[in-house]
N, C-alpha and C. Protein backbone atom coordinates (compact mmCIF):
# COMPACT_ATOMS: atom_id res chain seq x y z
N MET A 1 0.85 -1.17 0.00
CA MET A 1 0.00 0.00 0.00
C MET A 1 0.90 1.23 0.00
N SER A 2 0.55 2.22 -0.78
CA SER A 2 1.32 3.47 -0.80
C SER A 2 0.48 4.61 -0.25
N THR A 3 1.16 5.64 0.21
CA THR A 3 0.47 6.80 0.76
C THR A 3 0.95 8.05 0.05
N LEU A 4 0.13 9.06 0.12
CA LEU A 4 0.45 10.35 -0.46
C LEU A 4 0.40 11.37 0.68
N GLY A 5 1.53 12.00 0.96
CA GLY A 5 1.59 12.99 2.03
C GLY A 5 1.45 14.40 1.46
N ILE A 6 0.45 15.13 1.94
CA ILE A 6 0.21 16.49 1.45
C ILE A 6 0.00 17.41 2.65
N GLU A 7 0.72 18.53 2.66
CA GLU A 7 0.49 19.53 3.69
C GLU A 7 -0.15 20.77 3.07
N ASN A 8 0.26 21.15 1.86
CA ASN A 8 -0.27 22.33 1.19
C ASN A 8 -0.65 22.02 -0.24
N ILE A 9 -1.70 22.63 -0.71
CA ILE A 9 -2.10 22.56 -2.11
C ILE A 9 -1.97 23.97 -2.65
N GLU A 10 -1.17 24.14 -3.71
CA GLU A 10 -0.92 25.46 -4.26
C GLU A 10 -1.83 25.78 -5.43
N HIS A 11 -2.13 27.06 -5.54
CA HIS A 11 -2.83 27.59 -6.70
C HIS A 11 -1.82 27.65 -7.84
N THR A 12 -2.28 27.74 -9.08
CA THR A 12 -1.37 27.81 -10.22
C THR A 12 -0.48 29.05 -10.18
N ASN A 13 -0.87 30.09 -9.44
CA ASN A 13 -0.03 31.28 -9.33
C ASN A 13 1.04 31.14 -8.25
N GLY A 14 1.11 29.99 -7.58
CA GLY A 14 2.14 29.73 -6.59
C GLY A 14 1.76 30.02 -5.16
N THR A 15 0.58 30.59 -4.94
CA THR A 15 0.16 30.89 -3.57
C THR A 15 -0.46 29.65 -2.94
N ASN A 16 -0.39 29.58 -1.62
CA ASN A 16 -0.95 28.47 -0.88
C ASN A 16 -2.47 28.55 -0.92
N ALA A 17 -3.13 27.55 -1.48
CA ALA A 17 -4.59 27.57 -1.61
C ALA A 17 -5.28 26.83 -0.47
N ILE A 18 -4.73 25.71 -0.05
CA ILE A 18 -5.31 24.92 1.05
C ILE A 18 -4.17 24.40 1.91
N THR A 19 -4.32 24.50 3.21
CA THR A 19 -3.35 23.94 4.15
C THR A 19 -4.05 22.84 4.94
N ILE A 20 -3.39 21.68 5.01
CA ILE A 20 -3.95 20.52 5.68
C ILE A 20 -3.22 20.32 7.02
N ASN A 21 -3.98 20.18 8.10
CA ASN A 21 -3.40 19.88 9.42
C ASN A 21 -2.93 18.44 9.47
N SER A 22 -2.14 18.10 10.49
CA SER A 22 -1.62 16.74 10.62
C SER A 22 -2.71 15.71 10.83
N ASP A 23 -3.89 16.12 11.33
CA ASP A 23 -4.99 15.17 11.53
C ASP A 23 -5.88 15.04 10.28
N GLY A 24 -5.50 15.71 9.18
CA GLY A 24 -6.25 15.60 7.94
C GLY A 24 -7.29 16.69 7.74
N SER A 25 -7.51 17.53 8.74
CA SER A 25 -8.49 18.62 8.60
C SER A 25 -7.84 19.83 7.93
N MET A 26 -8.67 20.66 7.32
CA MET A 26 -8.16 21.89 6.70
C MET A 26 -8.02 22.97 7.76
N LYS A 27 -7.01 23.82 7.58
CA LYS A 27 -6.86 24.98 8.48
C LYS A 27 -7.96 25.96 8.15
N ARG A 28 -8.87 26.17 9.09
CA ARG A 28 -9.99 27.09 8.89
C ARG A 28 -9.82 28.36 9.72
N GLY A 29 -8.81 28.39 10.58
CA GLY A 29 -8.59 29.58 11.39
C GLY A 29 -9.68 29.82 12.41
N ALA A 30 -10.38 28.78 12.81
CA ALA A 30 -11.49 28.93 13.76
C ALA A 30 -10.93 29.30 15.14
N PHE A 31 -11.62 30.24 15.79
CA PHE A 31 -11.24 30.61 17.15
C PHE A 31 -12.46 31.10 17.90
N GLN A 32 -12.40 31.01 19.21
CA GLN A 32 -13.44 31.52 20.09
C GLN A 32 -12.75 31.89 21.41
N VAL A 33 -12.79 33.20 21.74
CA VAL A 33 -12.12 33.71 22.93
C VAL A 33 -13.09 34.60 23.71
N TYR A 34 -12.78 34.82 25.00
CA TYR A 34 -13.65 35.65 25.81
C TYR A 34 -12.85 36.32 26.93
N SER A 35 -13.50 37.29 27.60
CA SER A 35 -12.89 37.98 28.74
C SER A 35 -13.19 37.22 30.01
N ASN A 36 -12.15 36.97 30.78
CA ASN A 36 -12.26 36.23 32.03
C ASN A 36 -12.76 37.10 33.18
N SER A 37 -12.55 38.42 33.10
CA SER A 37 -12.97 39.31 34.17
C SER A 37 -13.37 40.66 33.59
N SER A 38 -14.06 41.44 34.39
CA SER A 38 -14.52 42.75 33.94
C SER A 38 -13.35 43.72 33.77
N GLN A 39 -13.54 44.67 32.86
CA GLN A 39 -12.51 45.63 32.53
C GLN A 39 -13.13 47.03 32.62
N GLY A 40 -12.76 47.80 33.62
CA GLY A 40 -13.27 49.16 33.77
C GLY A 40 -12.56 50.09 32.82
N ILE A 41 -13.32 50.96 32.14
CA ILE A 41 -12.70 51.91 31.22
C ILE A 41 -13.20 53.32 31.52
N ALA A 42 -12.39 54.28 31.17
CA ALA A 42 -12.75 55.67 31.33
C ALA A 42 -13.73 56.08 30.24
N SER A 43 -14.51 57.10 30.51
CA SER A 43 -15.42 57.66 29.51
C SER A 43 -14.61 58.33 28.40
N ASN A 44 -15.09 58.17 27.16
CA ASN A 44 -14.52 58.84 25.99
C ASN A 44 -13.13 58.33 25.60
N VAL A 45 -12.87 57.02 25.80
CA VAL A 45 -11.59 56.41 25.45
C VAL A 45 -11.85 55.09 24.73
N HIS A 46 -11.29 54.92 23.52
CA HIS A 46 -11.37 53.64 22.81
C HIS A 46 -10.38 52.67 23.48
N THR A 47 -10.87 51.49 23.84
CA THR A 47 -10.08 50.54 24.61
C THR A 47 -10.17 49.15 24.00
N ILE A 48 -9.02 48.49 23.82
CA ILE A 48 -9.00 47.11 23.32
C ILE A 48 -9.53 46.19 24.41
N VAL A 49 -10.44 45.31 24.03
CA VAL A 49 -11.03 44.36 24.97
C VAL A 49 -10.01 43.27 25.29
N GLN A 50 -9.84 43.00 26.57
CA GLN A 50 -8.87 42.00 27.02
C GLN A 50 -9.48 40.60 26.92
N LEU A 51 -9.40 40.04 25.73
CA LEU A 51 -9.90 38.69 25.47
C LEU A 51 -8.78 37.71 25.83
N ASP A 52 -8.80 37.26 27.07
CA ASP A 52 -7.66 36.52 27.61
C ASP A 52 -7.89 35.03 27.81
N GLN A 53 -9.04 34.51 27.41
CA GLN A 53 -9.33 33.09 27.57
C GLN A 53 -9.72 32.47 26.24
N LYS A 54 -9.14 31.32 25.92
CA LYS A 54 -9.47 30.63 24.67
C LYS A 54 -10.41 29.46 24.96
N LEU A 55 -11.45 29.36 24.15
CA LEU A 55 -12.29 28.16 24.14
C LEU A 55 -11.88 27.27 22.98
N LEU A 56 -11.46 27.92 21.89
CA LEU A 56 -11.11 27.20 20.66
C LEU A 56 -10.08 28.01 19.90
N ASP A 57 -8.97 27.39 19.50
CA ASP A 57 -7.95 28.04 18.67
C ASP A 57 -6.95 26.98 18.21
N PRO A 58 -7.40 25.98 17.43
CA PRO A 58 -6.52 24.87 17.06
C PRO A 58 -5.29 25.28 16.25
N ASP A 59 -5.38 26.40 15.51
CA ASP A 59 -4.25 26.84 14.69
C ASP A 59 -3.38 27.86 15.41
N ASN A 60 -3.75 28.22 16.64
CA ASN A 60 -3.00 29.16 17.47
C ASN A 60 -2.81 30.51 16.79
N TYR A 61 -3.90 31.05 16.24
CA TYR A 61 -3.87 32.34 15.56
C TYR A 61 -4.25 33.49 16.49
N PHE A 62 -4.79 33.20 17.66
CA PHE A 62 -5.19 34.26 18.59
C PHE A 62 -4.17 34.37 19.71
N ASP A 63 -3.67 35.58 19.95
CA ASP A 63 -2.69 35.85 20.99
C ASP A 63 -3.40 36.50 22.18
N THR A 64 -3.46 35.81 23.31
CA THR A 64 -4.16 36.32 24.48
C THR A 64 -3.36 37.37 25.26
N SER A 65 -2.14 37.69 24.82
CA SER A 65 -1.39 38.77 25.47
C SER A 65 -1.57 40.09 24.71
N THR A 66 -1.78 40.03 23.40
CA THR A 66 -2.02 41.25 22.59
C THR A 66 -3.48 41.36 22.19
N TYR A 67 -4.27 40.31 22.45
CA TYR A 67 -5.70 40.26 22.13
C TYR A 67 -5.93 40.38 20.62
N ARG A 68 -5.03 39.78 19.84
CA ARG A 68 -5.08 39.86 18.38
C ARG A 68 -5.33 38.50 17.73
N PHE A 69 -6.16 38.53 16.70
CA PHE A 69 -6.36 37.37 15.82
C PHE A 69 -5.57 37.66 14.55
N THR A 70 -4.54 36.84 14.29
CA THR A 70 -3.67 37.02 13.12
C THR A 70 -3.60 35.71 12.35
N PRO A 71 -4.57 35.44 11.48
CA PRO A 71 -4.57 34.18 10.75
C PRO A 71 -3.42 34.13 9.74
N GLN A 72 -2.86 32.96 9.57
CA GLN A 72 -1.73 32.77 8.66
C GLN A 72 -2.13 32.14 7.33
N VAL A 73 -3.43 32.10 7.05
CA VAL A 73 -3.94 31.64 5.76
C VAL A 73 -4.82 32.77 5.22
N ALA A 74 -4.50 33.24 4.02
CA ALA A 74 -5.26 34.33 3.41
C ALA A 74 -6.67 33.87 3.09
N GLY A 75 -7.62 34.80 3.17
CA GLY A 75 -8.99 34.48 2.83
C GLY A 75 -9.97 35.43 3.46
N ILE A 76 -11.23 35.07 3.34
CA ILE A 76 -12.31 35.85 3.93
C ILE A 76 -12.74 35.14 5.21
N TYR A 77 -12.84 35.89 6.29
CA TYR A 77 -13.16 35.35 7.60
C TYR A 77 -14.46 35.94 8.13
N TYR A 78 -15.30 35.08 8.70
CA TYR A 78 -16.48 35.54 9.42
C TYR A 78 -16.03 35.86 10.83
N ILE A 79 -16.38 37.05 11.31
CA ILE A 79 -15.99 37.50 12.65
C ILE A 79 -17.24 37.97 13.38
N GLU A 80 -17.34 37.61 14.64
CA GLU A 80 -18.45 38.05 15.48
C GLU A 80 -17.89 38.49 16.83
N GLY A 81 -18.42 39.58 17.36
CA GLY A 81 -17.98 40.05 18.66
C GLY A 81 -19.15 40.54 19.47
N GLN A 82 -19.00 40.50 20.78
CA GLN A 82 -20.02 41.01 21.69
C GLN A 82 -19.34 41.57 22.93
N ILE A 83 -19.86 42.70 23.41
CA ILE A 83 -19.43 43.25 24.69
C ILE A 83 -20.67 43.40 25.57
N MET A 84 -20.59 42.89 26.79
CA MET A 84 -21.62 43.15 27.79
C MET A 84 -21.13 44.32 28.62
N TRP A 85 -21.98 45.34 28.75
CA TRP A 85 -21.63 46.57 29.45
C TRP A 85 -22.39 46.68 30.77
N GLU A 86 -21.75 47.37 31.73
CA GLU A 86 -22.42 47.75 32.96
C GLU A 86 -21.92 49.14 33.34
N ALA A 87 -22.85 50.07 33.51
CA ALA A 87 -22.50 51.45 33.88
C ALA A 87 -22.87 51.70 35.33
N GLY A 88 -22.46 52.86 35.81
CA GLY A 88 -22.84 53.27 37.16
C GLY A 88 -24.34 53.50 37.24
N ALA A 89 -24.84 53.62 38.44
CA ALA A 89 -26.28 53.75 38.68
C ALA A 89 -26.87 54.95 37.97
N GLY A 90 -27.88 54.71 37.15
CA GLY A 90 -28.66 55.77 36.50
C GLY A 90 -27.93 56.59 35.47
N ASP A 91 -26.79 56.13 34.97
CA ASP A 91 -26.02 56.91 34.01
C ASP A 91 -26.60 56.79 32.60
N ASN A 92 -26.58 57.90 31.87
CA ASN A 92 -26.96 57.93 30.46
C ASN A 92 -25.68 57.68 29.65
N ILE A 93 -25.64 56.55 28.94
CA ILE A 93 -24.39 56.09 28.32
C ILE A 93 -24.58 55.87 26.82
N TYR A 94 -23.55 56.22 26.06
CA TYR A 94 -23.43 55.86 24.65
C TYR A 94 -22.36 54.76 24.59
N TYR A 95 -22.74 53.59 24.11
CA TYR A 95 -21.81 52.46 24.00
C TYR A 95 -21.47 52.22 22.53
N PHE A 96 -20.26 51.80 22.30
CA PHE A 96 -19.76 51.57 20.95
C PHE A 96 -18.85 50.36 20.99
N MET A 97 -19.00 49.47 20.03
CA MET A 97 -18.13 48.31 19.91
C MET A 97 -17.70 48.20 18.46
N ALA A 98 -16.45 47.86 18.21
CA ALA A 98 -15.98 47.76 16.83
C ALA A 98 -14.95 46.65 16.70
N VAL A 99 -14.90 46.04 15.52
CA VAL A 99 -13.83 45.13 15.16
C VAL A 99 -12.81 45.97 14.41
N LYS A 100 -11.61 46.09 14.99
CA LYS A 100 -10.55 46.89 14.37
C LYS A 100 -9.63 45.98 13.56
N LYS A 101 -9.29 46.40 12.35
CA LYS A 101 -8.35 45.66 11.51
C LYS A 101 -7.05 46.45 11.43
N ASN A 102 -5.96 45.82 11.82
CA ASN A 102 -4.64 46.45 11.80
C ASN A 102 -4.63 47.77 12.58
N GLY A 103 -5.37 47.81 13.69
CA GLY A 103 -5.40 48.97 14.55
C GLY A 103 -6.28 50.10 14.09
N ASP A 104 -7.08 49.88 13.04
CA ASP A 104 -7.91 50.94 12.47
C ASP A 104 -9.37 50.50 12.44
N PHE A 105 -10.27 51.46 12.52
CA PHE A 105 -11.70 51.15 12.44
C PHE A 105 -12.15 50.89 11.02
N SER A 106 -11.48 51.46 10.00
CA SER A 106 -11.86 51.25 8.60
C SER A 106 -11.09 50.07 8.04
N HIS A 107 -11.81 49.16 7.42
CA HIS A 107 -11.19 47.95 6.86
C HIS A 107 -10.85 48.20 5.39
N THR A 108 -9.95 49.13 5.12
CA THR A 108 -9.68 49.53 3.74
C THR A 108 -8.58 48.73 3.08
N SER A 109 -7.84 47.93 3.82
CA SER A 109 -6.79 47.14 3.17
C SER A 109 -7.40 45.91 2.53
N GLY A 110 -6.79 45.46 1.47
CA GLY A 110 -7.31 44.33 0.71
C GLY A 110 -7.34 44.70 -0.74
N SER A 111 -7.50 43.73 -1.59
CA SER A 111 -7.52 44.02 -3.02
C SER A 111 -8.86 43.59 -3.61
N ALA A 112 -9.15 44.14 -4.80
CA ALA A 112 -10.40 43.80 -5.49
C ALA A 112 -10.44 42.30 -5.69
N PRO A 113 -11.58 41.66 -5.62
CA PRO A 113 -12.91 42.25 -5.54
C PRO A 113 -13.38 42.48 -4.11
N TYR A 114 -12.50 42.32 -3.12
CA TYR A 114 -12.93 42.41 -1.72
C TYR A 114 -13.26 43.84 -1.31
N LEU A 115 -12.44 44.79 -1.72
CA LEU A 115 -12.67 46.19 -1.40
C LEU A 115 -12.30 47.04 -2.59
N THR A 116 -13.03 48.11 -2.80
CA THR A 116 -12.67 49.05 -3.84
C THR A 116 -11.73 50.09 -3.25
N GLY A 117 -11.10 50.85 -4.10
CA GLY A 117 -10.16 51.87 -3.63
C GLY A 117 -10.79 52.91 -2.75
N SER A 118 -12.09 53.17 -2.91
CA SER A 118 -12.74 54.22 -2.13
C SER A 118 -13.53 53.67 -0.94
N ALA A 119 -13.52 52.37 -0.75
CA ALA A 119 -14.32 51.79 0.33
C ALA A 119 -13.65 51.96 1.67
N SER A 120 -14.44 52.18 2.69
CA SER A 120 -13.91 52.21 4.06
C SER A 120 -14.97 51.66 5.00
N PRO A 121 -15.32 50.38 4.85
CA PRO A 121 -16.36 49.80 5.68
C PRO A 121 -15.93 49.71 7.14
N ASN A 122 -16.87 49.94 8.01
CA ASN A 122 -16.63 49.88 9.45
C ASN A 122 -17.55 48.85 10.06
N VAL A 123 -17.01 47.98 10.88
CA VAL A 123 -17.80 46.97 11.55
C VAL A 123 -18.04 47.45 12.97
N ARG A 124 -19.31 47.81 13.26
CA ARG A 124 -19.60 48.41 14.56
C ARG A 124 -20.92 47.92 15.11
N GLY A 125 -21.01 47.99 16.41
CA GLY A 125 -22.27 47.85 17.10
C GLY A 125 -22.42 49.09 17.97
N ILE A 126 -23.55 49.74 17.95
CA ILE A 126 -23.72 50.99 18.69
C ILE A 126 -25.03 50.95 19.47
N LEU A 127 -25.02 51.48 20.69
CA LEU A 127 -26.21 51.55 21.52
C LEU A 127 -26.09 52.78 22.41
N SER A 128 -27.16 53.52 22.55
CA SER A 128 -27.17 54.68 23.44
C SER A 128 -28.47 54.64 24.24
N HIS A 129 -28.35 54.66 25.56
CA HIS A 129 -29.54 54.64 26.40
C HIS A 129 -29.17 54.98 27.84
N THR A 130 -30.16 55.09 28.67
CA THR A 130 -29.94 55.35 30.09
C THR A 130 -29.97 54.03 30.83
N GLU A 131 -28.92 53.79 31.58
CA GLU A 131 -28.83 52.57 32.38
C GLU A 131 -29.52 52.78 33.72
N GLY A 132 -30.16 51.75 34.20
CA GLY A 132 -30.67 51.77 35.57
C GLY A 132 -29.53 51.45 36.52
N SER A 133 -29.84 51.23 37.75
CA SER A 133 -28.81 50.95 38.74
C SER A 133 -28.08 49.65 38.42
N VAL A 134 -26.86 49.77 38.02
CA VAL A 134 -25.94 48.68 37.63
C VAL A 134 -26.60 47.60 36.77
N ASN A 135 -27.43 48.01 35.85
CA ASN A 135 -27.99 47.06 34.89
C ASN A 135 -26.98 46.78 33.78
N GLU A 136 -27.17 45.66 33.10
CA GLU A 136 -26.25 45.25 32.04
C GLU A 136 -26.95 45.24 30.70
N THR A 137 -26.18 45.49 29.65
CA THR A 137 -26.70 45.46 28.29
C THR A 137 -25.60 44.95 27.36
N CYS A 138 -25.98 44.38 26.23
CA CYS A 138 -25.00 43.82 25.30
C CYS A 138 -25.05 44.53 23.95
N ILE A 139 -23.89 44.62 23.31
CA ILE A 139 -23.77 45.07 21.94
C ILE A 139 -23.07 43.95 21.18
N LYS A 140 -23.59 43.63 20.01
CA LYS A 140 -23.06 42.53 19.21
C LYS A 140 -22.99 42.96 17.75
N ALA A 141 -21.97 42.51 17.03
CA ALA A 141 -21.84 42.80 15.60
C ALA A 141 -21.10 41.65 14.93
N SER A 142 -21.32 41.48 13.65
CA SER A 142 -20.61 40.45 12.88
C SER A 142 -20.26 41.01 11.51
N CYS A 143 -19.28 40.38 10.86
CA CYS A 143 -18.82 40.86 9.57
C CYS A 143 -18.03 39.79 8.83
N LEU A 144 -17.78 40.05 7.57
CA LEU A 144 -16.84 39.28 6.77
C LEU A 144 -15.65 40.19 6.51
N VAL A 145 -14.44 39.70 6.75
CA VAL A 145 -13.24 40.51 6.60
C VAL A 145 -12.21 39.74 5.78
N HIS A 146 -11.63 40.41 4.79
CA HIS A 146 -10.54 39.80 4.02
C HIS A 146 -9.24 39.96 4.79
N MET A 147 -8.52 38.85 4.98
CA MET A 147 -7.25 38.87 5.70
C MET A 147 -6.15 38.38 4.75
N ASN A 148 -4.95 39.00 4.81
CA ASN A 148 -3.89 38.66 3.87
C ASN A 148 -3.13 37.38 4.23
N GLY A 149 -3.32 36.84 5.42
CA GLY A 149 -2.69 35.57 5.79
C GLY A 149 -1.27 35.71 6.29
N THR A 150 -0.81 36.92 6.47
CA THR A 150 0.54 37.12 7.03
C THR A 150 0.54 38.13 8.16
N SER A 151 0.19 39.38 7.86
CA SER A 151 0.33 40.43 8.87
C SER A 151 -0.99 41.06 9.32
N ASP A 152 -2.09 40.86 8.60
CA ASP A 152 -3.37 41.44 9.01
C ASP A 152 -3.80 40.86 10.36
N TYR A 153 -4.32 41.73 11.23
CA TYR A 153 -4.82 41.26 12.52
C TYR A 153 -6.10 41.99 12.89
N LEU A 154 -6.88 41.37 13.76
CA LEU A 154 -8.14 41.93 14.24
C LEU A 154 -8.12 42.01 15.76
N GLN A 155 -8.79 43.06 16.29
CA GLN A 155 -8.98 43.21 17.72
C GLN A 155 -10.39 43.74 17.96
N LEU A 156 -10.93 43.46 19.12
CA LEU A 156 -12.23 43.97 19.52
C LEU A 156 -12.00 45.21 20.38
N SER A 157 -12.73 46.29 20.06
CA SER A 157 -12.55 47.56 20.76
C SER A 157 -13.87 48.01 21.36
N GLY A 158 -13.81 48.58 22.56
CA GLY A 158 -14.99 49.13 23.22
C GLY A 158 -14.81 50.60 23.53
N TYR A 159 -15.92 51.31 23.57
CA TYR A 159 -15.92 52.74 23.86
C TYR A 159 -17.22 53.08 24.57
N ALA A 160 -17.12 53.90 25.59
CA ALA A 160 -18.31 54.36 26.30
C ALA A 160 -18.18 55.85 26.54
N TYR A 161 -19.25 56.57 26.26
CA TYR A 161 -19.28 57.98 26.65
C TYR A 161 -20.40 58.13 27.66
N ASN A 162 -20.05 58.58 28.84
CA ASN A 162 -20.99 58.72 29.93
C ASN A 162 -21.49 60.17 29.97
N TYR A 163 -22.71 60.40 29.46
CA TYR A 163 -23.28 61.75 29.43
C TYR A 163 -23.58 62.27 30.83
N THR A 164 -23.89 61.38 31.76
CA THR A 164 -24.22 61.77 33.12
C THR A 164 -22.97 62.19 33.89
N ASP A 165 -21.88 61.46 33.67
CA ASP A 165 -20.63 61.73 34.38
C ASP A 165 -19.47 61.52 33.42
N ALA A 166 -19.09 62.60 32.71
CA ALA A 166 -18.06 62.51 31.66
C ALA A 166 -16.70 62.08 32.20
N SER A 167 -16.45 62.22 33.49
CA SER A 167 -15.17 61.81 34.07
C SER A 167 -15.24 60.40 34.67
N ALA A 168 -16.34 59.70 34.43
CA ALA A 168 -16.52 58.36 35.03
C ALA A 168 -15.43 57.40 34.56
N THR A 169 -14.98 56.56 35.46
CA THR A 169 -14.04 55.49 35.12
C THR A 169 -14.63 54.13 35.47
N ASP A 170 -15.93 54.11 35.79
CA ASP A 170 -16.57 52.87 36.22
C ASP A 170 -17.49 52.29 35.15
N ASN A 171 -17.22 52.58 33.88
CA ASN A 171 -17.95 51.96 32.78
C ASN A 171 -17.29 50.61 32.54
N ASP A 172 -17.98 49.53 32.83
CA ASP A 172 -17.36 48.20 32.77
C ASP A 172 -17.73 47.43 31.52
N MET A 173 -16.69 46.85 30.87
CA MET A 173 -16.90 45.79 29.89
C MET A 173 -16.86 44.51 30.73
N LYS A 174 -17.99 43.85 30.84
CA LYS A 174 -18.14 42.72 31.76
C LYS A 174 -17.43 41.48 31.23
N GLY A 175 -16.82 40.77 32.13
CA GLY A 175 -16.22 39.48 31.83
C GLY A 175 -16.64 38.49 32.89
N HIS A 176 -16.43 37.22 32.62
CA HIS A 176 -16.82 36.19 33.57
C HIS A 176 -15.95 34.95 33.34
N ALA A 177 -15.55 34.31 34.43
CA ALA A 177 -14.68 33.14 34.33
C ALA A 177 -15.35 31.96 33.63
N ASP A 178 -16.68 31.82 33.79
CA ASP A 178 -17.36 30.63 33.27
C ASP A 178 -18.39 30.92 32.18
N GLN A 179 -18.60 32.18 31.84
CA GLN A 179 -19.61 32.52 30.84
C GLN A 179 -19.02 33.41 29.77
N MET A 180 -19.39 33.15 28.54
CA MET A 180 -18.88 33.91 27.41
C MET A 180 -19.81 35.10 27.16
N ILE A 181 -19.68 36.16 27.99
CA ILE A 181 -20.57 37.31 27.86
C ILE A 181 -19.91 38.45 27.07
N THR A 182 -18.60 38.55 27.10
CA THR A 182 -17.84 39.46 26.24
C THR A 182 -16.88 38.56 25.47
N TYR A 183 -17.01 38.53 24.14
CA TYR A 183 -16.28 37.53 23.36
C TYR A 183 -16.03 37.98 21.92
N MET A 184 -15.18 37.22 21.25
CA MET A 184 -14.98 37.33 19.81
C MET A 184 -14.76 35.92 19.28
N LEU A 185 -15.31 35.65 18.10
CA LEU A 185 -15.11 34.35 17.47
C LEU A 185 -15.01 34.54 15.97
N GLY A 186 -14.51 33.54 15.27
CA GLY A 186 -14.43 33.64 13.83
C GLY A 186 -13.89 32.38 13.19
N PHE A 187 -13.95 32.36 11.85
CA PHE A 187 -13.43 31.25 11.07
C PHE A 187 -13.36 31.66 9.61
N ARG A 188 -12.49 30.99 8.85
CA ARG A 188 -12.33 31.29 7.42
C ARG A 188 -13.46 30.64 6.64
N VAL A 189 -14.08 31.42 5.77
CA VAL A 189 -15.18 30.91 4.96
C VAL A 189 -14.78 30.74 3.49
N ASP A 190 -13.71 31.39 3.06
CA ASP A 190 -13.28 31.29 1.66
C ASP A 190 -11.81 31.60 1.56
């Protein structure tokens, strides 16, 4: 009996088209991470969410020290994020959540047909309302993002503006050791 060993299948242009893991599965870049504890942020400051716990990351593309997803296979990735917020008692708050690509809110890098030269799509979830006494609310958003497979990275960012107390530092992005209430997940779809 003979065997055929394959790790990569190349496109005719020489780029890596499919990467096969040692167990025979394709590298899909699937990951699922969450915040283990709450993160207090100041009003009017964009803050990277500390996604420090992995539920799934077989290809090791998510770094829990920089909170970055950096897939090493080029393609289009489905990304979903959620932040659970908790403000001080009775505060009127504007909440904002975004998936940042390469440190920017606009996902303008990429080549046609993924993005045109004038495109600057933003992946955001926005909510503005008055919180009751330490009540919680969630913001969630999802997107498809083209990643170059080498240096492109994604991070989840949160922002709160406290209209009631502009100097507040008690706007919390909630985390939990056993529940995925603030999280990001994704996988390659193409």
